[in-house]
PDB file of all heavy atoms in Angstrom:
ATOM      1  N   PHE A   1       5.312   1.619 -12.438  1.00  0.00           N
ATOM      2  CA  PHE A   1       4.239   1.923 -11.485  1.00  0.00           C
ATOM      3  C   PHE A   1       3.822   0.659 -10.739  1.00  0.00           C
ATOM      4  O   PHE A   1       3.660   0.669  -9.504  1.00  0.00           O
ATOM      5  CB  PHE A   1       3.060   2.529 -12.249  1.00  0.00           C
ATOM      6  CG  PHE A   1       1.853   2.845 -11.408  1.00  0.00           C
ATOM      7  CD1 PHE A   1       1.666   4.112 -10.898  1.00  0.00           C
ATOM      8  CD2 PHE A   1       0.899   1.881 -11.130  1.00  0.00           C
ATOM      9  CE1 PHE A   1       0.556   4.421 -10.126  1.00  0.00           C
ATOM     10  CE2 PHE A   1      -0.217   2.168 -10.366  1.00  0.00           C
ATOM     11  CZ  PHE A   1      -0.380   3.441  -9.862  1.00  0.00           C
ATOM     12  N   ILE A   2       3.632  -0.433 -11.456  1.00  0.00           N
ATOM     13  CA  ILE A   2       3.145  -1.671 -10.839  1.00  0.00           C
ATOM     14  C   ILE A   2       4.219  -2.311  -9.967  1.00  0.00           C
ATOM     15  O   ILE A   2       3.991  -2.621  -8.795  1.00  0.00           O
ATOM     16  CB  ILE A   2       2.682  -2.654 -11.936  1.00  0.00           C
ATOM     17  CG1 ILE A   2       1.449  -2.116 -12.660  1.00  0.00           C
ATOM     18  CG2 ILE A   2       2.391  -4.034 -11.346  1.00  0.00           C
ATOM     19  CD1 ILE A   2       1.049  -2.921 -13.881  1.00  0.00           C
ATOM     20  N   HIS A   3       5.399  -2.530 -10.542  1.00  0.00           N
ATOM     21  CA  HIS A   3       6.422  -3.319  -9.848  1.00  0.00           C
ATOM     22  C   HIS A   3       6.974  -2.598  -8.629  1.00  0.00           C
ATOM     23  O   HIS A   3       7.124  -3.180  -7.553  1.00  0.00           O
ATOM     24  CB  HIS A   3       7.555  -3.654 -10.833  1.00  0.00           C
ATOM     25  CG  HIS A   3       8.617  -4.523 -10.236  1.00  0.00           C
ATOM     26  ND1 HIS A   3       9.802  -4.014  -9.736  1.00  0.00           N
ATOM     27  CD2 HIS A   3       8.680  -5.872 -10.033  1.00  0.00           C
ATOM     28  CE1 HIS A   3      10.543  -4.990  -9.268  1.00  0.00           C
ATOM     29  NE2 HIS A   3       9.894  -6.130  -9.441  1.00  0.00           N
ATOM     30  N   THR A   4       7.279  -1.316  -8.787  1.00  0.00           N
ATOM     31  CA  THR A   4       7.888  -0.579  -7.680  1.00  0.00           C
ATOM     32  C   THR A   4       6.933  -0.414  -6.508  1.00  0.00           C
ATOM     33  O   THR A   4       7.342  -0.484  -5.347  1.00  0.00           O
ATOM     34  CB  THR A   4       8.339   0.808  -8.168  1.00  0.00           C
ATOM     35  OG1 THR A   4       9.213   0.648  -9.278  1.00  0.00           O
ATOM     36  CG2 THR A   4       9.049   1.564  -7.061  1.00  0.00           C
ATOM     37  N   THR A   5       5.664  -0.225  -6.797  1.00  0.00           N
ATOM     38  CA  THR A   5       4.699   0.083  -5.739  1.00  0.00           C
ATOM     39  C   THR A   5       4.195  -1.174  -5.023  1.00  0.00           C
ATOM     40  O   THR A   5       4.077  -1.177  -3.785  1.00  0.00           O
ATOM     41  CB  THR A   5       3.498   0.848  -6.327  1.00  0.00           C
ATOM     42  OG1 THR A   5       3.972   1.992  -7.032  1.00  0.00           O
ATOM     43  CG2 THR A   5       2.540   1.273  -5.234  1.00  0.00           C
ATOM     44  N   PHE A   6       3.934  -2.230  -5.755  1.00  0.00           N
ATOM     45  CA  PHE A   6       3.209  -3.362  -5.174  1.00  0.00           C
ATOM     46  C   PHE A   6       4.055  -4.599  -4.932  1.00  0.00           C
ATOM     47  O   PHE A   6       3.636  -5.483  -4.182  1.00  0.00           O
ATOM     48  CB  PHE A   6       2.031  -3.723  -6.078  1.00  0.00           C
ATOM     49  CG  PHE A   6       1.058  -2.595  -6.278  1.00  0.00           C
ATOM     50  CD1 PHE A   6       0.893  -2.008  -7.516  1.00  0.00           C
ATOM     51  CD2 PHE A   6       0.328  -2.101  -5.216  1.00  0.00           C
ATOM     52  CE1 PHE A   6       0.011  -0.967  -7.699  1.00  0.00           C
ATOM     53  CE2 PHE A   6      -0.556  -1.050  -5.384  1.00  0.00           C
ATOM     54  CZ  PHE A   6      -0.717  -0.479  -6.635  1.00  0.00           C
ATOM     55  N   PHE A   7       5.224  -4.698  -5.519  1.00  0.00           N
ATOM     56  CA  PHE A   7       6.030  -5.894  -5.358  1.00  0.00           C
ATOM     57  C   PHE A   7       7.331  -5.565  -4.635  1.00  0.00           C
ATOM     58  O   PHE A   7       7.642  -4.405  -4.391  1.00  0.00           O
ATOM     59  CB  PHE A   7       6.301  -6.532  -6.723  1.00  0.00           C
ATOM     60  CG  PHE A   7       5.055  -7.072  -7.374  1.00  0.00           C
ATOM     61  CD1 PHE A   7       4.332  -6.288  -8.262  1.00  0.00           C
ATOM     62  CD2 PHE A   7       4.595  -8.343  -7.070  1.00  0.00           C
ATOM     63  CE1 PHE A   7       3.178  -6.766  -8.861  1.00  0.00           C
ATOM     64  CE2 PHE A   7       3.434  -8.836  -7.669  1.00  0.00           C
ATOM     65  CZ  PHE A   7       2.728  -8.046  -8.555  1.00  0.00           C
ATOM     66  N   GLY A   8       8.088  -6.601  -4.314  1.00  0.00           N
ATOM     67  CA  GLY A   8       9.306  -6.422  -3.554  1.00  0.00           C
ATOM     68  C   GLY A   8       9.050  -6.598  -2.061  1.00  0.00           C
ATOM     69  O   GLY A   8       7.930  -6.865  -1.611  1.00  0.00           O
ATOM     70  N   PRO A   9      10.080  -6.408  -1.249  1.00  0.00           N
ATOM     71  CA  PRO A   9       9.920  -6.561   0.203  1.00  0.00           C
ATOM     72  C   PRO A   9       9.100  -5.416   0.794  1.00  0.00           C
ATOM     73  O   PRO A   9       9.033  -4.331   0.217  1.00  0.00           O
ATOM     74  CB  PRO A   9      11.361  -6.525   0.707  1.00  0.00           C
ATOM     75  CG  PRO A   9      12.102  -5.718  -0.320  1.00  0.00           C
ATOM     76  CD  PRO A   9      11.458  -6.063  -1.632  1.00  0.00           C
ATOM     77  N   PRO A  10       8.468  -5.628   1.935  1.00  0.00           N
ATOM     78  CA  PRO A  10       7.717  -4.545   2.578  1.00  0.00           C
ATOM     79  C   PRO A  10       8.620  -3.354   2.886  1.00  0.00           C
ATOM     80  O   PRO A  10       9.784  -3.508   3.263  1.00  0.00           O
ATOM     81  CB  PRO A  10       7.188  -5.191   3.862  1.00  0.00           C
ATOM     82  CG  PRO A  10       7.184  -6.651   3.574  1.00  0.00           C
ATOM     83  CD  PRO A  10       8.352  -6.895   2.665  1.00  0.00           C
ATOM     84  N   SER A  11       8.085  -2.172   2.707  1.00  0.00           N
ATOM     85  CA  SER A  11       8.867  -0.957   2.914  1.00  0.00           C
ATOM     86  C   SER A  11       9.119  -0.721   4.397  1.00  0.00           C
ATOM     87  O   SER A  11       8.265  -0.987   5.253  1.00  0.00           O
ATOM     88  CB  SER A  11       8.130   0.243   2.320  1.00  0.00           C
ATOM     89  OG  SER A  11       8.818   1.439   2.612  1.00  0.00           O
ATOM     90  N   THR A  12      10.311  -0.204   4.699  1.00  0.00           N
ATOM     91  CA  THR A  12      10.661   0.162   6.082  1.00  0.00           C
ATOM     92  C   THR A  12      10.708   1.677   6.262  1.00  0.00           C
ATOM     93  O   THR A  12      11.101   2.148   7.329  1.00  0.00           O
ATOM     94  CB  THR A  12      12.031  -0.438   6.440  1.00  0.00           C
ATOM     95  OG1 THR A  12      13.019   0.050   5.515  1.00  0.00           O
ATOM     96  CG2 THR A  12      11.994  -1.964   6.370  1.00  0.00           C
ATOM     97  N   GLU A  13      10.306   2.423   5.253  1.00  0.00           N
ATOM     98  CA  GLU A  13      10.409   3.881   5.311  1.00  0.00           C
ATOM     99  C   GLU A  13       9.064   4.570   5.500  1.00  0.00           C
ATOM    100  O   GLU A  13       9.002   5.796   5.472  1.00  0.00           O
ATOM    101  CB  GLU A  13      11.059   4.409   4.032  1.00  0.00           C
ATOM    102  CG  GLU A  13      12.462   3.884   3.798  1.00  0.00           C
ATOM    103  CD  GLU A  13      13.121   4.533   2.604  1.00  0.00           C
ATOM    104  OE1 GLU A  13      12.967   5.772   2.466  1.00  0.00           O
ATOM    105  OE2 GLU A  13      13.755   3.834   1.804  1.00  0.00           O
ATOM    106  N   LEU A  14       8.001   3.816   5.665  1.00  0.00           N
ATOM    107  CA  LEU A  14       6.683   4.407   5.841  1.00  0.00           C
ATOM    108  C   LEU A  14       6.413   4.677   7.313  1.00  0.00           C
ATOM    109  O   LEU A  14       6.901   3.964   8.205  1.00  0.00           O
ATOM    110  CB  LEU A  14       5.601   3.479   5.268  1.00  0.00           C
ATOM    111  CG  LEU A  14       5.694   3.177   3.770  1.00  0.00           C
ATOM    112  CD1 LEU A  14       4.604   2.201   3.354  1.00  0.00           C
ATOM    113  CD2 LEU A  14       5.591   4.467   2.953  1.00  0.00           C
ATOM    114  N   ASP A  15       5.605   5.708   7.572  1.00  0.00           N
ATOM    115  CA  ASP A  15       5.291   6.087   8.948  1.00  0.00           C
ATOM    116  C   ASP A  15       4.161   5.260   9.546  1.00  0.00           C
ATOM    117  O   ASP A  15       3.889   5.377  10.741  1.00  0.00           O
ATOM    118  CB  ASP A  15       4.898   7.578   8.996  1.00  0.00           C
ATOM    119  CG  ASP A  15       6.028   8.475   8.542  1.00  0.00           C
ATOM    120  OD1 ASP A  15       7.198   8.073   8.703  1.00  0.00           O
ATOM    121  OD2 ASP A  15       5.748   9.568   8.004  1.00  0.00           O
ATOM    122  N   ARG A  16       3.498   4.482   8.734  1.00  0.00           N
ATOM    123  CA  ARG A  16       2.373   3.689   9.214  1.00  0.00           C
ATOM    124  C   ARG A  16       2.323   2.370   8.463  1.00  0.00           C
ATOM    125  O   ARG A  16       2.983   2.219   7.436  1.00  0.00           O
ATOM    126  CB  ARG A  16       1.064   4.455   9.019  1.00  0.00           C
ATOM    127  CG  ARG A  16       0.712   4.652   7.554  1.00  0.00           C
ATOM    128  CD  ARG A  16      -0.451   5.598   7.363  1.00  0.00           C
ATOM    129  NE  ARG A  16      -0.063   6.991   7.562  1.00  0.00           N
ATOM    130  CZ  ARG A  16      -0.806   8.030   7.211  1.00  0.00           C
ATOM    131  NH1 ARG A  16      -1.993   7.817   6.647  1.00  0.00           N
ATOM    132  NH2 ARG A  16      -0.396   9.259   7.416  1.00  0.00           N
ATOM    133  N   VAL A  17       1.528   1.453   8.991  1.00  0.00           N
ATOM    134  CA  VAL A  17       1.337   0.165   8.320  1.00  0.00           C
ATOM    135  C   VAL A  17       0.177   0.311   7.348  1.00  0.00           C
ATOM    136  O   VAL A  17      -0.947   0.626   7.756  1.00  0.00           O
ATOM    137  CB  VAL A  17       1.043  -0.957   9.336  1.00  0.00           C
ATOM    138  CG1 VAL A  17       0.798  -2.284   8.607  1.00  0.00           C
ATOM    139  CG2 VAL A  17       2.207  -1.099  10.310  1.00  0.00           C
ATOM    140  N   PRO A  18       0.398   0.118   6.048  1.00  0.00           N
ATOM    141  CA  PRO A  18      -0.691   0.287   5.078  1.00  0.00           C
ATOM    142  C   PRO A  18      -1.784  -0.751   5.280  1.00  0.00           C
ATOM    143  O   PRO A  18      -1.542  -1.856   5.799  1.00  0.00           O
ATOM    144  CB  PRO A  18       0.010   0.097   3.724  1.00  0.00           C
ATOM    145  CG  PRO A  18       1.461   0.226   3.999  1.00  0.00           C
ATOM    146  CD  PRO A  18       1.670  -0.236   5.399  1.00  0.00           C
ATOM    147  N   HIS A  19      -2.978  -0.385   4.867  1.00  0.00           N
ATOM    148  CA  HIS A  19      -4.103  -1.326   4.928  1.00  0.00           C
ATOM    149  C   HIS A  19      -5.130  -0.913   3.892  1.00  0.00           C
ATOM    150  O   HIS A  19      -5.065   0.183   3.325  1.00  0.00           O
ATOM    151  CB  HIS A  19      -4.717  -1.346   6.326  1.00  0.00           C
ATOM    152  CG  HIS A  19      -5.171   0.006   6.811  1.00  0.00           C
ATOM    153  ND1 HIS A  19      -6.373   0.579   6.451  1.00  0.00           N
ATOM    154  CD2 HIS A  19      -4.548   0.926   7.612  1.00  0.00           C
ATOM    155  CE1 HIS A  19      -6.487   1.773   7.000  1.00  0.00           C
ATOM    156  NE2 HIS A  19      -5.386   2.011   7.713  1.00  0.00           N
ATOM    157  N   GLU A  20      -6.085  -1.797   3.654  1.00  0.00           N
ATOM    158  CA  GLU A  20      -7.134  -1.499   2.680  1.00  0.00           C
ATOM    159  C   GLU A  20      -7.989  -0.324   3.149  1.00  0.00           C
ATOM    160  O   GLU A  20      -8.226  -0.161   4.346  1.00  0.00           O
ATOM    161  CB  GLU A  20      -8.030  -2.724   2.472  1.00  0.00           C
ATOM    162  CG  GLU A  20      -7.391  -3.847   1.680  1.00  0.00           C
ATOM    163  CD  GLU A  20      -7.262  -3.520   0.198  1.00  0.00           C
ATOM    164  OE1 GLU A  20      -7.689  -2.428  -0.216  1.00  0.00           O
ATOM    165  OE2 GLU A  20      -6.720  -4.355  -0.536  1.00  0.00           O
ATOM    166  N   PRO A  21      -8.457   0.494   2.217  1.00  0.00           N
ATOM    167  CA  PRO A  21      -9.299   1.635   2.597  1.00  0.00           C
ATOM    168  C   PRO A  21     -10.721   1.178   2.897  1.00  0.00           C
ATOM    169  O   PRO A  21     -11.088   0.021   2.616  1.00  0.00           O
ATOM    170  CB  PRO A  21      -9.262   2.505   1.340  1.00  0.00           C
ATOM    171  CG  PRO A  21      -9.156   1.516   0.234  1.00  0.00           C
ATOM    172  CD  PRO A  21      -8.266   0.414   0.757  1.00  0.00           C
ATOM    173  N   PRO A  22     -11.552   2.067   3.444  1.00  0.00           N
ATOM    174  CA  PRO A  22     -12.979   1.740   3.583  1.00  0.00           C
ATOM    175  C   PRO A  22     -13.591   1.422   2.226  1.00  0.00           C
ATOM    176  O   PRO A  22     -13.140   1.904   1.182  1.00  0.00           O
ATOM    177  CB  PRO A  22     -13.577   3.017   4.181  1.00  0.00           C
ATOM    178  CG  PRO A  22     -12.427   3.709   4.834  1.00  0.00           C
ATOM    179  CD  PRO A  22     -11.218   3.373   4.023  1.00  0.00           C
ATOM    180  N   GLY A  23     -14.625   0.605   2.241  1.00  0.00           N
ATOM    181  CA  GLY A  23     -15.216   0.116   0.997  1.00  0.00           C
ATOM    182  C   GLY A  23     -15.644   1.219   0.049  1.00  0.00           C
ATOM    183  O   GLY A  23     -15.398   1.139  -1.160  1.00  0.00           O
ATOM    184  N   TRP A  24     -16.277   2.263   0.585  1.00  0.00           N
ATOM    185  CA  TRP A  24     -16.790   3.316  -0.305  1.00  0.00           C
ATOM    186  C   TRP A  24     -15.680   4.161  -0.916  1.00  0.00           C
ATOM    187  O   TRP A  24     -15.886   4.805  -1.943  1.00  0.00           O
ATOM    188  CB  TRP A  24     -17.768   4.202   0.451  1.00  0.00           C
ATOM    189  CG  TRP A  24     -19.093   3.534   0.630  1.00  0.00           C
ATOM    190  CD1 TRP A  24     -19.611   3.017   1.770  1.00  0.00           C
ATOM    191  CD2 TRP A  24     -20.046   3.277  -0.406  1.00  0.00           C
ATOM    192  NE1 TRP A  24     -20.829   2.442   1.530  1.00  0.00           N
ATOM    193  CE2 TRP A  24     -21.135   2.593   0.203  1.00  0.00           C
ATOM    194  CE3 TRP A  24     -20.097   3.541  -1.769  1.00  0.00           C
ATOM    195  CZ2 TRP A  24     -22.249   2.189  -0.514  1.00  0.00           C
ATOM    196  CZ3 TRP A  24     -21.216   3.138  -2.485  1.00  0.00           C
ATOM    197  CH2 TRP A  24     -22.273   2.471  -1.862  1.00  0.00           C
ATOM    198  N   MET A  25     -14.504   4.155  -0.324  1.00  0.00           N
ATOM    199  CA  MET A  25     -13.382   4.857  -0.945  1.00  0.00           C
ATOM    200  C   MET A  25     -12.881   4.101  -2.172  1.00  0.00           C
ATOM    201  O   MET A  25     -12.315   4.694  -3.095  1.00  0.00           O
ATOM    202  CB  MET A  25     -12.248   5.037   0.073  1.00  0.00           C
ATOM    203  CG  MET A  25     -11.076   5.870  -0.442  1.00  0.00           C
ATOM    204  SD  MET A  25      -9.727   6.043   0.755  1.00  0.00           S
ATOM    205  CE  MET A  25     -10.494   7.104   1.958  1.00  0.00           C
ATOM    206  N   ARG A  26     -13.104   2.810  -2.170  1.00  0.00           N
ATOM    207  CA  ARG A  26     -12.610   1.978  -3.267  1.00  0.00           C
ATOM    208  C   ARG A  26     -13.650   1.780  -4.369  1.00  0.00           C
ATOM    209  O   ARG A  26     -13.315   1.342  -5.478  1.00  0.00           O
ATOM    210  CB  ARG A  26     -12.187   0.623  -2.709  1.00  0.00           C
ATOM    211  CG  ARG A  26     -11.156  -0.116  -3.527  1.00  0.00           C
ATOM    212  CD  ARG A  26     -10.697  -1.384  -2.828  1.00  0.00           C
ATOM    213  NE  ARG A  26     -11.821  -2.225  -2.442  1.00  0.00           N
ATOM    214  CZ  ARG A  26     -12.003  -2.746  -1.232  1.00  0.00           C
ATOM    215  NH1 ARG A  26     -11.126  -2.498  -0.280  1.00  0.00           N
ATOM    216  NH2 ARG A  26     -13.051  -3.497  -0.952  1.00  0.00           N
ATOM    217  N   ARG A  27     -14.923   2.083  -4.109  1.00  0.00           N
ATOM    218  CA  ARG A  27     -15.991   1.808  -5.083  1.00  0.00           C
ATOM    219  C   ARG A  27     -15.772   2.495  -6.436  1.00  0.00           C
ATOM    220  O   ARG A  27     -15.966   1.874  -7.477  1.00  0.00           O
ATOM    221  CB  ARG A  27     -17.350   2.207  -4.504  1.00  0.00           C
ATOM    222  CG  ARG A  27     -17.825   1.371  -3.349  1.00  0.00           C
ATOM    223  CD  ARG A  27     -18.128  -0.074  -3.749  1.00  0.00           C
ATOM    224  NE  ARG A  27     -18.577  -0.817  -2.586  1.00  0.00           N
ATOM    225  CZ  ARG A  27     -17.773  -1.527  -1.794  1.00  0.00           C
ATOM    226  NH1 ARG A  27     -16.473  -1.594  -2.061  1.00  0.00           N
ATOM    227  NH2 ARG A  27     -18.237  -2.172  -0.752  1.00  0.00           N
TER     228      ARG A  27
END
């Protein structure tokens, strides 16, 4: 779960550029 999702080269198969969510979504 940790290594595959968060490490390695940036993915080229996503439809958008990921970014941090709004603060209250992360609280």
